[in-house]
Protein backbone atom coordinates (compact mmCIF):
# COMPACT_ATOMS: atom_id res chain seq x y z
CA UNK A 1 20.76 -9.18 25.48
CA UNK A 2 18.32 -7.04 27.44
CA UNK A 3 18.69 -3.34 26.71
CA UNK A 4 18.78 -1.17 29.83
CA UNK A 5 16.98 2.13 30.37
CA UNK A 6 19.22 5.18 30.42
CA UNK A 7 21.83 4.99 33.15
CA UNK A 8 22.06 7.80 35.68
CA UNK A 9 24.55 8.72 38.36
CA UNK A 10 24.73 6.02 41.03
CA UNK A 11 22.85 3.49 38.93
CA UNK A 12 22.57 -0.08 40.21
CA UNK A 13 21.21 -2.92 38.09
CA UNK A 14 19.30 -5.50 40.16
CA UNK A 15 18.44 -8.87 38.57
CA UNK A 16 16.11 -11.33 40.27
CA UNK A 17 14.32 -14.51 39.36
CA UNK A 18 13.90 -18.18 40.22
CA UNK A 19 16.67 -20.72 40.27
CA UNK A 20 17.86 -21.95 36.84
CA UNK A 21 16.34 -18.97 34.98
CA UNK A 22 19.67 -17.72 33.62
CA UNK A 23 20.23 -14.78 35.98
CA UNK A 24 23.99 -15.23 36.25
CA UNK A 25 24.45 -15.27 32.50
CA UNK A 26 22.39 -12.11 32.11
CA UNK A 27 24.38 -10.37 34.85
CA UNK A 28 27.66 -11.22 33.12
CA UNK A 29 26.40 -10.01 29.74
CA UNK A 30 25.18 -6.71 31.24
CA UNK A 31 28.46 -6.24 33.11
CA UNK A 32 30.39 -6.81 29.87
CA UNK A 33 28.22 -4.41 27.89
CA UNK A 34 28.03 -1.62 30.48
CA UNK A 35 31.45 -1.77 32.22
CA UNK A 36 30.07 -3.44 35.32
CA UNK A 37 30.97 -5.73 38.20
CA UNK A 38 28.70 -8.48 39.52
CA UNK A 39 27.56 -8.67 43.16
CA UNK A 40 25.95 -11.83 44.52
CA UNK A 41 22.48 -11.70 46.10
CA UNK A 42 21.93 -15.43 46.60
CA UNK A 43 21.79 -16.65 50.19
CA UNK A 44 23.41 -19.99 49.32
CA UNK A 45 26.16 -18.78 47.01
CA UNK A 46 27.71 -16.95 49.95
CA UNK A 47 28.98 -20.28 51.33
CA UNK A 48 32.29 -21.92 50.47
CA UNK A 49 32.74 -25.52 49.49
CA UNK A 50 29.49 -25.99 47.56
CA UNK A 51 30.02 -24.23 44.22
CA UNK A 52 28.34 -26.96 42.19
CA UNK A 53 25.15 -27.30 44.23
CA UNK A 54 24.83 -23.53 44.78
CA UNK A 55 25.56 -22.86 41.06
CA UNK A 56 28.35 -20.35 41.71
CA UNK A 57 29.57 -19.06 38.32
CA UNK A 58 32.89 -20.68 37.41
CA UNK A 59 35.98 -18.65 36.57
CA UNK A 60 35.44 -19.56 32.94
CA UNK A 61 31.81 -18.43 33.03
CA UNK A 62 32.76 -15.12 34.64
CA UNK A 63 34.75 -14.22 31.52
CA UNK A 64 37.07 -11.91 33.41
CA UNK A 65 34.25 -9.86 34.96
CA UNK A 66 34.86 -9.11 38.69
CA UNK A 67 32.44 -11.02 40.94
CA UNK A 68 31.87 -10.15 44.60
CA UNK A 69 30.28 -11.73 47.72
CA UNK A 70 30.51 -15.27 46.39
CA UNK A 71 31.77 -17.99 48.78
CA UNK A 72 32.59 -15.51 51.55
CA UNK A 73 31.49 -17.66 54.52
CA UNK A 74 32.36 -21.10 55.80
CA UNK A 75 29.35 -23.45 55.92
CA UNK A 76 29.44 -23.20 59.73
CA UNK A 77 28.38 -19.53 59.56
CA UNK A 78 24.73 -18.49 59.81
CA UNK A 79 24.60 -15.58 57.38
CA UNK A 80 21.66 -13.16 57.70
CA UNK A 81 19.99 -10.66 55.41
CA UNK A 82 21.36 -7.86 57.62
CA UNK A 83 24.90 -9.15 57.20
CA UNK A 84 24.49 -9.42 53.44
CA UNK A 85 22.88 -6.00 53.11
CA UNK A 86 25.73 -4.25 54.92
CA UNK A 87 28.31 -6.03 52.77
CA UNK A 88 26.39 -5.36 49.55
CA UNK A 89 25.98 -1.64 50.25
CA UNK A 90 29.71 -1.29 50.95
CA UNK A 91 30.58 -3.24 47.78
CA UNK A 92 28.22 -1.18 45.62
CA UNK A 93 29.89 2.01 46.78
CA UNK A 94 33.31 0.50 46.04
CA UNK A 95 32.20 -0.32 42.50
CA UNK A 96 30.87 3.20 42.00
CA UNK A 97 34.20 4.59 43.23
CA UNK A 98 35.92 2.65 40.44
CA UNK A 99 33.62 4.32 37.93
CA UNK A 100 31.82 1.08 37.13
CA UNK A 101 28.25 -0.23 37.20
CA UNK A 102 27.18 -2.52 40.07
CA UNK A 103 25.11 -5.47 38.81
CA UNK A 104 23.40 -7.22 41.74
CA UNK A 105 22.02 -10.66 40.92
CA UNK A 106 20.35 -13.44 42.87
CA UNK A 107 17.25 -15.41 43.67
CA UNK A 108 16.89 -14.45 47.33
CA UNK A 109 13.91 -12.13 47.24
CA UNK A 110 14.41 -10.85 50.78
CA UNK A 111 17.93 -9.67 49.92
CA UNK A 112 16.78 -7.79 46.83
CA UNK A 113 13.68 -6.34 48.49
CA UNK A 114 15.68 -4.98 51.42
CA UNK A 115 18.26 -3.46 49.11
CA UNK A 116 15.80 -1.78 46.75
CA UNK A 117 12.85 -0.92 49.01
CA UNK A 118 14.49 -0.59 52.41
CA UNK A 119 14.43 -2.53 55.63
CA UNK A 120 12.89 -2.21 59.05
CA UNK A 121 15.02 -0.24 61.53
CA UNK A 122 15.64 -3.27 63.74
CA UNK A 123 18.84 -3.04 65.78
CA UNK A 124 21.21 -5.95 65.28
CA UNK A 125 21.20 -8.28 68.31
CA UNK A 126 24.36 -8.56 70.41
CA UNK A 127 26.55 -11.53 69.60
CA UNK A 128 26.02 -12.89 73.11
CA UNK A 129 22.24 -12.95 72.58
CA UNK A 130 22.64 -14.54 69.15
CA UNK A 131 24.74 -17.33 70.59
CA UNK A 132 22.35 -17.89 73.50
CA UNK A 133 19.35 -18.21 71.19
CA UNK A 134 21.26 -20.43 68.77
CA UNK A 135 22.25 -22.70 71.65
CA UNK A 136 18.62 -22.87 72.79
CA UNK A 137 17.45 -23.71 69.29
CA UNK A 138 19.96 -26.53 68.97
CA UNK A 139 18.59 -28.17 72.11
CA UNK A 140 15.03 -28.21 70.78
CA UNK A 141 13.21 -29.59 67.79
CA UNK A 142 11.49 -27.25 65.33
CA UNK A 143 8.08 -27.30 67.01
CA UNK A 144 9.47 -26.84 70.53
CA UNK A 145 11.54 -23.82 69.52
CA UNK A 146 8.63 -22.22 67.68
CA UNK A 147 6.44 -22.76 70.76
CA UNK A 148 9.08 -21.08 72.92
CA UNK A 149 8.98 -18.05 70.63
CA UNK A 150 5.17 -18.05 70.71
CA UNK A 151 5.23 -17.92 74.51
CA UNK A 152 7.28 -14.71 74.55
CA UNK A 153 6.15 -13.12 71.27
CA UNK A 154 2.81 -14.52 70.08
CA UNK A 155 2.26 -11.77 67.50
CA UNK A 156 5.67 -12.31 65.96
CA UNK A 157 5.31 -16.08 65.93
CA UNK A 158 1.95 -15.80 64.16
CA UNK A 159 3.72 -14.13 61.21
CA UNK A 160 6.17 -16.98 60.70
CA UNK A 161 6.22 -20.51 59.38
CA UNK A 162 7.48 -22.76 62.20
CA UNK A 163 9.72 -24.56 59.69
CA UNK A 164 11.50 -21.34 58.71
CA UNK A 165 14.00 -21.83 61.49
CA UNK A 166 16.23 -18.92 60.51
CA UNK A 167 13.45 -16.35 60.70
CA UNK A 168 12.03 -17.88 63.88
CA UNK A 169 15.43 -17.64 65.52
CA UNK A 170 15.89 -14.06 64.37
CA UNK A 171 12.46 -13.07 65.76
CA UNK A 172 13.48 -14.53 69.11
CA UNK A 173 16.82 -12.68 69.00
CA UNK A 174 15.10 -9.38 68.26
CA UNK A 175 12.63 -9.78 71.11
CA UNK A 176 15.41 -10.67 73.54
CA UNK A 177 17.45 -7.66 72.39
CA UNK A 178 14.68 -5.05 72.32
CA UNK A 179 11.66 -6.39 74.20
CA UNK A 180 9.60 -5.46 71.13
CA UNK A 181 7.77 -7.94 68.91
CA UNK A 182 9.02 -8.47 65.39
CA UNK A 183 5.43 -7.71 64.33
CA UNK A 184 5.69 -4.24 65.86
CA UNK A 185 9.08 -3.61 64.26
CA UNK A 186 7.61 -4.41 60.84
CA UNK A 187 5.04 -1.63 61.31
CA UNK A 188 7.77 1.01 61.56
CA UNK A 189 8.80 3.06 58.47
CA UNK A 190 11.31 1.40 56.17
CA UNK A 191 14.87 2.70 56.06
CA UNK A 192 16.90 2.57 52.86
CA UNK A 193 20.55 1.63 53.32
CA UNK A 194 21.44 3.07 49.92
CA UNK A 195 19.18 6.10 49.44
CA UNK A 196 21.39 7.64 46.76
CA UNK A 197 21.00 4.67 44.40
CA UNK A 198 19.07 4.76 41.14
CA UNK A 199 17.93 1.17 40.79
CA UNK A 200 17.18 -0.48 37.46
CA UNK A 201 15.33 -3.68 38.25
CA UNK A 202 15.00 -6.74 36.02
CA UNK A 203 13.13 -9.94 36.73
CA UNK A 204 13.13 -13.24 34.89
CA UNK A 205 9.84 -15.15 35.05
CA UNK A 206 9.94 -18.00 32.52
CA UNK A 207 6.98 -20.34 32.21
CA UNK A 208 6.62 -22.98 34.90
CA UNK A 209 6.95 -25.80 32.35
CA UNK A 210 10.19 -24.48 30.89
CA UNK A 211 11.57 -23.77 34.36
CA UNK A 212 10.77 -27.32 35.53
CA UNK A 213 12.68 -28.80 32.61
CA UNK A 214 15.61 -26.48 33.22
CA UNK A 215 15.75 -27.39 36.93
CA UNK A 216 15.81 -31.12 36.15
CA UNK A 217 18.50 -30.75 33.50
CA UNK A 218 20.67 -28.57 35.71
CA UNK A 219 20.51 -30.98 38.62
CA UNK A 220 21.67 -33.81 36.37
CA UNK A 221 24.62 -31.64 35.36
CA UNK A 222 25.35 -30.94 39.04
CA UNK A 223 25.52 -34.67 39.76
CA UNK A 224 27.91 -35.16 36.85
CA UNK A 225 30.03 -32.23 38.07
CA UNK A 226 30.61 -33.68 41.56
CA UNK A 227 27.67 -32.61 43.74
CA UNK A 228 27.81 -35.86 45.72
CA UNK A 229 31.44 -35.29 46.62
CA UNK A 230 30.58 -31.77 47.78
CA UNK A 231 27.97 -33.16 50.15
CA UNK A 232 30.32 -35.89 51.35
CA UNK A 233 32.95 -33.28 52.28
CA UNK A 234 30.30 -31.11 53.95
CA UNK A 235 29.08 -33.96 56.13
CA UNK A 236 32.62 -34.62 57.30
CA UNK A 237 32.53 -31.23 59.03
CA UNK A 238 29.87 -32.49 61.46
CA UNK A 239 27.80 -29.30 61.28
CA UNK A 240 24.44 -28.58 62.86
CA UNK A 241 21.67 -29.67 60.47
CA UNK A 242 19.82 -26.39 61.11
CA UNK A 243 22.53 -24.24 59.49
CA UNK A 244 21.53 -22.66 56.16
CA UNK A 245 24.29 -24.44 54.22
CA UNK A 246 23.02 -27.79 55.46
CA UNK A 247 19.56 -27.01 54.07
CA UNK A 248 20.75 -25.95 50.62
CA UNK A 249 18.79 -27.51 47.77
CA UNK A 250 20.20 -30.97 47.16
CA UNK A 251 22.19 -31.25 50.39
CA UNK A 252 19.62 -33.07 52.60
CA UNK A 253 18.63 -35.41 49.78
CA UNK A 254 22.17 -36.31 48.71
CA UNK A 255 23.16 -36.59 52.39
CA UNK A 256 20.64 -39.42 52.72
CA UNK A 257 22.42 -41.22 49.88
CA UNK A 258 25.88 -40.61 51.35
CA UNK A 259 24.66 -41.95 54.70
CA UNK A 260 23.32 -45.08 53.03
CA UNK A 261 19.67 -44.31 53.67
CA UNK A 262 18.56 -44.49 50.04
CA UNK A 263 19.81 -45.02 46.51
CA UNK A 264 21.40 -42.28 44.45
CA UNK A 265 18.46 -42.39 42.03
CA UNK A 266 16.00 -41.88 44.90
CA UNK A 267 17.96 -38.97 46.37
CA UNK A 268 18.23 -37.30 42.95
CA UNK A 269 14.50 -37.77 42.35
CA UNK A 270 13.67 -36.11 45.68
CA UNK A 271 16.17 -33.30 45.11
CA UNK A 272 14.65 -32.54 41.72
CA UNK A 273 11.16 -32.48 43.23
CA UNK A 274 12.21 -30.09 46.00
CA UNK A 275 14.13 -27.90 43.54
CA UNK A 276 11.04 -27.71 41.32
CA UNK A 277 8.86 -26.76 44.29
CA UNK A 278 11.32 -24.10 45.43
CA UNK A 279 11.62 -22.63 41.93
CA UNK A 280 7.83 -22.46 41.71
CA UNK A 281 7.66 -20.49 44.99
CA UNK A 282 10.41 -18.16 43.78
CA UNK A 283 8.68 -17.63 40.45
CA UNK A 284 5.41 -16.76 42.20
CA UNK A 285 7.17 -14.32 44.53
CA UNK A 286 9.05 -12.51 41.77
CA UNK A 287 5.99 -12.40 39.50
CA UNK A 288 3.72 -10.95 42.20
CA UNK A 289 5.94 -9.15 44.70
CA UNK A 290 9.00 -7.81 42.88
CA UNK A 291 8.30 -4.71 40.81
CA UNK A 292 10.67 -4.47 37.86
CA UNK A 293 11.51 -2.00 35.11
CA UNK A 294 12.20 -4.87 32.71
CA UNK A 295 10.42 -8.24 32.69
CA UNK A 296 11.98 -11.16 30.79
CA UNK A 297 9.50 -14.01 30.36
CA UNK A 298 11.84 -16.78 29.25
CA UNK A 299 15.06 -18.51 30.26
CA UNK A 300 18.03 -16.27 29.58
CA UNK A 301 20.69 -18.14 27.61
CA UNK A 302 24.17 -16.92 26.83
């Protein structure tokens, strides 16, 4: 088990790393050793109905340790980093009030970065504006919607990947709400939502070869544990394909199988490839962008 630096008042342990690196197990072990409670920082584990594909820790794996912000939204909800950050800050303060140690864990770098380093002071768009922009996005394909953003906010659009539909939509919402480009907002000083926190940061960056093998093995276990049935139930809801839950690793690929577009073997092969590619991007981000007090260079097993 990783030994922590000395804990101070208002300490928060933050654990980040790529998918399949053993973050959840480490978080549980730290919570057990230091009288803690675990808080989710994974943008897919916030959704209900997909515990296998999103790798939500089971009740057995949690070993009696309180876990928070897991499966809090229906798949029809479009959760944002702002929503998560507000919930996480409130939950951290609740855990402190119980005299316990918050252990925040997840692979969503934007969540962790905003918590630890602060966020831009962008006002949250009105719900009416959010719904208007969402409706507009649903009527357009990816390229058309990105072009619409570029027409009103060229500087903001230039910062974004057109295929990152969530961030493109948010940039459009912000411009409609404030009349200010997302690029200009990002130049403003960062604001910390939890300034009183003493963060202890840990990152897991196992070798790419070991991580690849782990990703493949874990996806096979997900298939055996009922991942196809999860996707089948999700598709029955008739949700918009642009929603985050519909783009979860494994969902588009297994959806092709459920819809009869390919064999199960083919869908699994593609899902493993995309999982490997995603894990590689995560590993690069955490290795280069996430400063940590403790670096663990292997898979954490428990």
